[in-house]
Amino acid sequence: MTDVTGTHIGGPTVLIEFDGWRLLTDPTFDAPGRTYGFGWGTSSRKLTGPALAVAEIGPVDAVLLTHEHHGDNLDDAGRALLGEVGTVVTTRSGARRLGPSARGLRTGETTRLEAPGRPSIDITATPCRHGPRFSHPLVGDVIGFALTWPGQEHGPLWVTGDTVLYPALQQAAAALDPGTVLLHLGSVRFPLTGPLRYTMSAADALALMAGLHPHNVLPVHYEGWAHFDEGRPAITDTWTGAPSAFADAVTWLTPGAPATITV
């Protein structure tokens, strides 16, 4: 059994601490108010700043970066932080752009974090499709992360990454059978592409979790930006009446406040 402390800093950014490890997902620390371009005419304005500043985070052993080319997953302050971190795990294409400190993974590939006196962590890249079919030229490479280490009671910790619901994701979820899920939501849309969605909706999340038995479901990346179509009220409305096994597993993290869960 392992107790993990998760601190939601904002958007997709979560500090994960256990057994001496300090891991950070998708670092975003810029102040609000700026509009960021995402390519091909799409953009979004940041509405909410981080709950904690970079200086309040402390040392980080590794960054788990689902993709480095969108400002809501890696902004200027987050990019500056990467230079102080020994290991960055990200996509193959992202690692080429970031340089020698980055380890690039394709879907299904695994890397290991090791340090004296700590459990080894195997990190496996899971599939993401950050938009509708054939959107890859617009959205680029994105991955999620499945983390396994000795002593987990309920199964791997899964960071879904920014993705829509599609068969490869569902197949990966069934094979993984995660115990804890950092669930990227928000149902992203852009005016330029109308009804097309670029991340999961609350209904998609229910479909993804059907048949799984996670012990912890931690919603992230659903607030703080103009391009999110579903915030917490819409998500909770959709989840009303969800199976109790799912509803009981959901924990809404308070930004800036550490929460301890058992994995």
Protein backbone atom coordinates (compact mmCIF):
# COMPACT_ATOMS: atom_id res chain seq x y z
CA MET A 1 0.00 0.00 0.00
CA THR A 2 1.30 3.45 -0.92
CA ASP A 3 -0.04 6.79 0.19
CA VAL A 4 0.33 9.45 -2.49
CA THR A 5 -0.03 13.16 -1.91
CA GLY A 6 -1.43 15.04 -4.88
CA THR A 7 -1.48 18.84 -5.06
CA HIS A 8 -3.45 20.33 -7.94
CA ILE A 9 -1.76 23.55 -8.98
CA GLY A 10 -4.13 24.34 -11.83
CA GLY A 11 -5.12 23.04 -15.25
CA PRO A 12 -3.21 19.80 -15.87
CA THR A 13 -0.49 20.60 -13.33
CA VAL A 14 -0.34 18.25 -10.34
CA LEU A 15 2.50 17.63 -7.89
CA ILE A 16 2.64 13.91 -7.06
CA GLU A 17 4.62 12.90 -3.96
CA PHE A 18 5.28 9.45 -2.50
CA ASP A 19 8.17 7.48 -0.98
CA GLY A 20 10.62 10.34 -1.51
CA TRP A 21 9.60 11.01 -5.13
CA ARG A 22 8.32 14.39 -6.31
CA LEU A 23 6.83 14.30 -9.81
CA LEU A 24 5.11 17.16 -11.63
CA THR A 25 2.66 16.83 -14.51
CA ASP A 26 2.42 19.37 -17.36
CA PRO A 27 3.90 22.45 -15.61
CA THR A 28 1.88 25.64 -16.14
CA PHE A 29 2.74 28.64 -13.94
CA ASP A 30 2.11 31.74 -16.07
CA ALA A 31 -0.14 34.48 -14.74
CA PRO A 32 -3.65 34.74 -16.26
CA GLY A 33 -4.70 37.17 -18.95
CA ARG A 34 -2.66 36.11 -21.97
CA THR A 35 -3.95 34.50 -25.16
CA TYR A 36 -1.95 31.53 -26.47
CA GLY A 37 -1.98 30.25 -30.03
CA PHE A 38 -2.40 26.51 -30.55
CA GLY A 39 -1.81 26.43 -34.29
CA TRP A 40 -3.93 26.60 -37.45
CA GLY A 41 -5.84 29.64 -36.19
CA THR A 42 -6.89 28.17 -32.83
CA SER A 43 -6.16 29.99 -29.57
CA SER A 44 -7.37 30.40 -26.00
CA ARG A 45 -7.09 32.90 -23.17
CA LYS A 46 -5.81 31.86 -19.75
CA LEU A 47 -8.37 32.92 -17.14
CA THR A 48 -6.93 31.63 -13.86
CA GLY A 49 -3.41 31.62 -12.47
CA PRO A 50 -1.67 28.79 -10.61
CA ALA A 51 -2.56 28.08 -7.00
CA LEU A 52 1.15 27.87 -6.19
CA ALA A 53 4.11 29.70 -7.71
CA VAL A 54 7.17 27.86 -8.99
CA ALA A 55 9.13 29.04 -5.94
CA GLU A 56 6.61 27.33 -3.66
CA ILE A 57 6.90 23.93 -5.35
CA GLY A 58 10.34 22.93 -4.19
CA PRO A 59 12.63 20.45 -5.94
CA VAL A 60 11.13 18.19 -8.61
CA ASP A 61 12.63 14.84 -9.56
CA ALA A 62 10.85 14.44 -12.90
CA VAL A 63 8.28 16.15 -15.08
CA LEU A 64 5.66 14.07 -16.88
CA LEU A 65 4.87 16.19 -19.93
CA THR A 66 2.03 14.92 -22.08
CA HIS A 67 2.99 17.39 -24.82
CA GLU A 68 5.13 20.50 -24.99
CA HIS A 69 3.62 22.44 -27.88
CA HIS A 70 0.42 23.79 -26.26
CA GLY A 71 0.58 26.64 -23.78
CA ASP A 72 -2.09 25.16 -21.51
CA ASN A 73 0.18 22.16 -20.89
CA LEU A 74 3.57 23.88 -20.92
CA ASP A 75 3.75 27.65 -20.67
CA ASP A 76 6.73 29.99 -20.44
CA ALA A 77 7.21 29.65 -16.68
CA GLY A 78 6.79 25.89 -16.91
CA ARG A 79 9.31 25.70 -19.72
CA ALA A 80 11.83 27.64 -17.61
CA LEU A 81 11.30 25.13 -14.79
CA LEU A 82 12.31 22.23 -17.06
CA GLY A 83 15.90 23.48 -16.96
CA GLU A 84 15.98 22.79 -13.21
CA VAL A 85 14.60 19.24 -13.47
CA GLY A 86 16.82 16.25 -14.05
CA THR A 87 14.35 14.19 -16.07
CA VAL A 88 11.51 15.14 -18.39
CA VAL A 89 9.40 12.33 -19.87
CA THR A 90 7.40 13.31 -22.94
CA THR A 91 6.67 12.41 -26.56
CA ARG A 92 9.44 11.44 -28.95
CA SER A 93 8.92 14.60 -31.02
CA GLY A 94 8.76 16.76 -27.90
CA ALA A 95 12.01 15.29 -26.56
CA ARG A 96 13.79 16.18 -29.79
CA ARG A 97 12.72 19.79 -29.36
CA LEU A 98 13.49 19.96 -25.63
CA GLY A 99 16.99 18.51 -25.69
CA PRO A 100 19.09 15.94 -23.81
CA SER A 101 17.29 16.08 -20.44
CA ALA A 102 14.10 14.77 -22.04
CA ARG A 103 13.23 11.10 -22.52
CA GLY A 104 10.94 10.59 -25.50
CA LEU A 105 8.35 7.82 -25.58
CA ARG A 106 5.99 6.48 -28.19
CA THR A 107 2.73 4.86 -27.15
CA GLY A 108 3.49 1.55 -25.43
CA GLU A 109 7.12 2.36 -24.63
CA THR A 110 8.37 2.36 -21.04
CA THR A 111 11.11 4.18 -19.16
CA ARG A 112 12.18 3.72 -15.54
CA LEU A 113 12.93 6.27 -12.83
CA GLU A 114 15.43 5.08 -10.24
CA ALA A 115 17.03 6.68 -7.19
CA PRO A 116 18.77 5.29 -4.09
CA GLY A 117 16.39 4.46 -1.27
CA ARG A 118 13.26 4.89 -3.38
CA PRO A 119 11.07 2.44 -5.29
CA SER A 120 11.68 2.26 -9.04
CA ILE A 121 8.87 3.74 -11.13
CA ASP A 122 8.02 2.31 -14.55
CA ILE A 123 6.41 4.93 -16.78
CA THR A 124 4.59 3.66 -19.86
CA ALA A 125 3.22 5.96 -22.55
CA THR A 126 -0.50 5.50 -23.19
CA PRO A 127 -2.40 6.56 -26.32
CA CYS A 128 -3.96 9.97 -26.81
CA ARG A 129 -5.78 11.53 -29.74
CA HIS A 130 -6.10 15.23 -28.98
CA GLY A 131 -8.98 15.82 -31.37
CA PRO A 132 -11.21 14.25 -34.01
CA ARG A 133 -10.00 11.76 -36.60
CA PHE A 134 -7.36 13.12 -38.96
CA SER A 135 -6.58 16.05 -36.63
CA HIS A 136 -2.99 15.04 -35.96
CA PRO A 137 -1.47 17.70 -38.25
CA LEU A 138 -3.27 20.29 -36.12
CA VAL A 139 -2.84 18.85 -32.64
CA GLY A 140 0.51 17.04 -32.85
CA ASP A 141 1.83 14.19 -30.71
CA VAL A 142 0.33 13.66 -27.24
CA ILE A 143 0.70 10.81 -24.75
CA GLY A 144 -0.61 9.82 -21.34
CA PHE A 145 1.35 8.03 -18.62
CA ALA A 146 0.80 4.85 -16.64
CA LEU A 147 2.95 4.69 -13.51
CA THR A 148 3.65 1.44 -11.69
CA TRP A 149 5.89 0.80 -8.69
CA PRO A 150 6.17 -1.83 -5.95
CA GLY A 151 3.57 -1.65 -3.22
CA GLN A 152 0.61 -0.36 -5.22
CA GLU A 153 -2.56 -1.90 -3.81
CA HIS A 154 -5.15 -0.82 -6.37
CA GLY A 155 -3.26 -0.79 -9.66
CA PRO A 156 -1.33 1.72 -11.78
CA LEU A 157 -1.63 5.48 -11.55
CA TRP A 158 -2.80 6.76 -14.94
CA VAL A 159 -2.49 10.29 -16.27
CA THR A 160 -4.84 10.19 -19.26
CA GLY A 161 -3.42 13.25 -21.01
CA ASP A 162 -5.42 15.45 -23.37
CA THR A 163 -7.47 13.09 -25.50
CA VAL A 164 -10.88 12.40 -26.90
CA LEU A 165 -12.61 9.07 -26.39
CA TYR A 166 -11.64 6.62 -29.11
CA PRO A 167 -11.10 2.86 -29.39
CA ALA A 168 -7.35 2.76 -28.74
CA LEU A 169 -7.85 4.72 -25.51
CA GLN A 170 -10.62 2.40 -24.36
CA GLN A 171 -8.52 -0.66 -25.16
CA ALA A 172 -5.56 0.76 -23.26
CA ALA A 173 -7.74 1.57 -20.24
CA ALA A 174 -9.15 -1.97 -20.15
CA ALA A 175 -5.69 -3.51 -20.38
CA LEU A 176 -4.27 -1.17 -17.76
CA ASP A 177 -7.13 -1.44 -15.24
CA PRO A 178 -5.85 1.63 -13.37
CA GLY A 179 -6.24 2.12 -9.65
CA THR A 180 -5.91 5.91 -9.77
CA VAL A 181 -6.80 8.14 -12.72
CA LEU A 182 -5.81 11.76 -13.27
CA LEU A 183 -8.62 12.40 -15.70
CA HIS A 184 -8.16 15.22 -18.23
CA LEU A 185 -11.57 16.66 -19.10
CA GLY A 186 -12.97 20.02 -20.26
CA SER A 187 -14.58 19.05 -23.56
CA VAL A 188 -12.40 21.57 -25.44
CA ARG A 189 -13.86 23.36 -28.44
CA PHE A 190 -12.69 26.25 -30.63
CA PRO A 191 -14.91 28.69 -32.57
CA LEU A 192 -12.93 27.97 -35.73
CA THR A 193 -13.85 24.26 -35.72
CA GLY A 194 -17.39 24.52 -34.34
CA PRO A 195 -18.72 21.38 -32.63
CA LEU A 196 -15.50 19.37 -32.92
CA ARG A 197 -14.04 18.45 -29.54
CA TYR A 198 -10.41 18.07 -28.54
CA THR A 199 -10.64 16.57 -25.04
CA MET A 200 -13.07 14.30 -23.26
CA SER A 201 -16.46 15.41 -22.04
CA ALA A 202 -17.93 14.19 -18.76
CA ALA A 203 -20.05 11.71 -20.70
CA ASP A 204 -16.94 10.43 -22.49
CA ALA A 205 -15.27 9.89 -19.13
CA LEU A 206 -18.17 7.76 -17.94
CA ALA A 207 -17.92 5.66 -21.09
CA LEU A 208 -14.15 5.29 -20.63
CA MET A 209 -14.52 4.20 -17.01
CA ALA A 210 -17.32 1.72 -17.72
CA GLY A 211 -16.20 -1.73 -16.65
CA LEU A 212 -13.18 -0.40 -14.77
CA HIS A 213 -12.86 -0.20 -11.00
CA PRO A 214 -10.56 2.71 -10.14
CA HIS A 215 -10.06 3.43 -6.47
CA ASN A 216 -9.41 7.13 -7.15
CA VAL A 217 -10.63 9.38 -9.98
CA LEU A 218 -9.12 12.86 -9.88
CA PRO A 219 -10.56 15.30 -12.46
CA VAL A 220 -8.06 17.85 -13.82
CA HIS A 221 -7.69 20.24 -16.75
CA TYR A 222 -11.31 21.37 -16.96
CA GLU A 223 -11.02 24.98 -15.74
CA GLY A 224 -9.00 28.16 -16.04
CA TRP A 225 -9.07 28.57 -19.85
CA ALA A 226 -11.57 30.00 -22.31
CA HIS A 227 -11.52 26.94 -24.57
CA PHE A 228 -13.04 24.61 -21.97
CA ASP A 229 -16.69 23.90 -22.72
CA GLU A 230 -17.42 21.93 -19.52
CA GLY A 231 -16.39 23.10 -16.07
CA ARG A 232 -17.05 21.42 -12.77
CA PRO A 233 -20.80 22.25 -12.60
CA ALA A 234 -21.47 20.71 -16.01
CA ILE A 235 -19.30 17.70 -15.21
CA THR A 236 -21.03 17.02 -11.89
CA ASP A 237 -24.46 17.41 -13.53
CA THR A 238 -23.53 14.77 -16.09
CA TRP A 239 -22.16 12.47 -13.42
CA THR A 240 -25.32 12.65 -11.31
CA GLY A 241 -26.65 9.13 -11.14
CA ALA A 242 -23.36 7.57 -12.24
CA PRO A 243 -22.64 4.08 -10.89
CA SER A 244 -21.68 4.27 -7.22
CA ALA A 245 -18.32 2.59 -7.83
CA PHE A 246 -17.36 5.51 -10.05
CA ALA A 247 -19.03 8.25 -8.00
CA ASP A 248 -17.41 7.04 -4.79
CA ALA A 249 -13.98 7.12 -6.42
CA VAL A 250 -14.17 10.77 -7.55
CA THR A 251 -12.18 13.29 -5.53
CA TRP A 252 -12.19 16.96 -6.52
CA LEU A 253 -8.81 18.36 -5.62
CA THR A 254 -8.75 21.86 -4.14
CA PRO A 255 -6.05 23.83 -5.98
CA GLY A 256 -3.06 24.41 -3.76
CA ALA A 257 -4.22 22.02 -1.03
CA PRO A 258 -2.39 18.67 -0.72
CA ALA A 259 -4.67 15.62 -0.69
CA THR A 260 -3.56 12.14 0.35
CA ILE A 261 -4.91 9.08 -1.44
CA THR A 262 -4.11 5.37 -1.29
CA VAL A 263 -2.94 3.78 -4.52
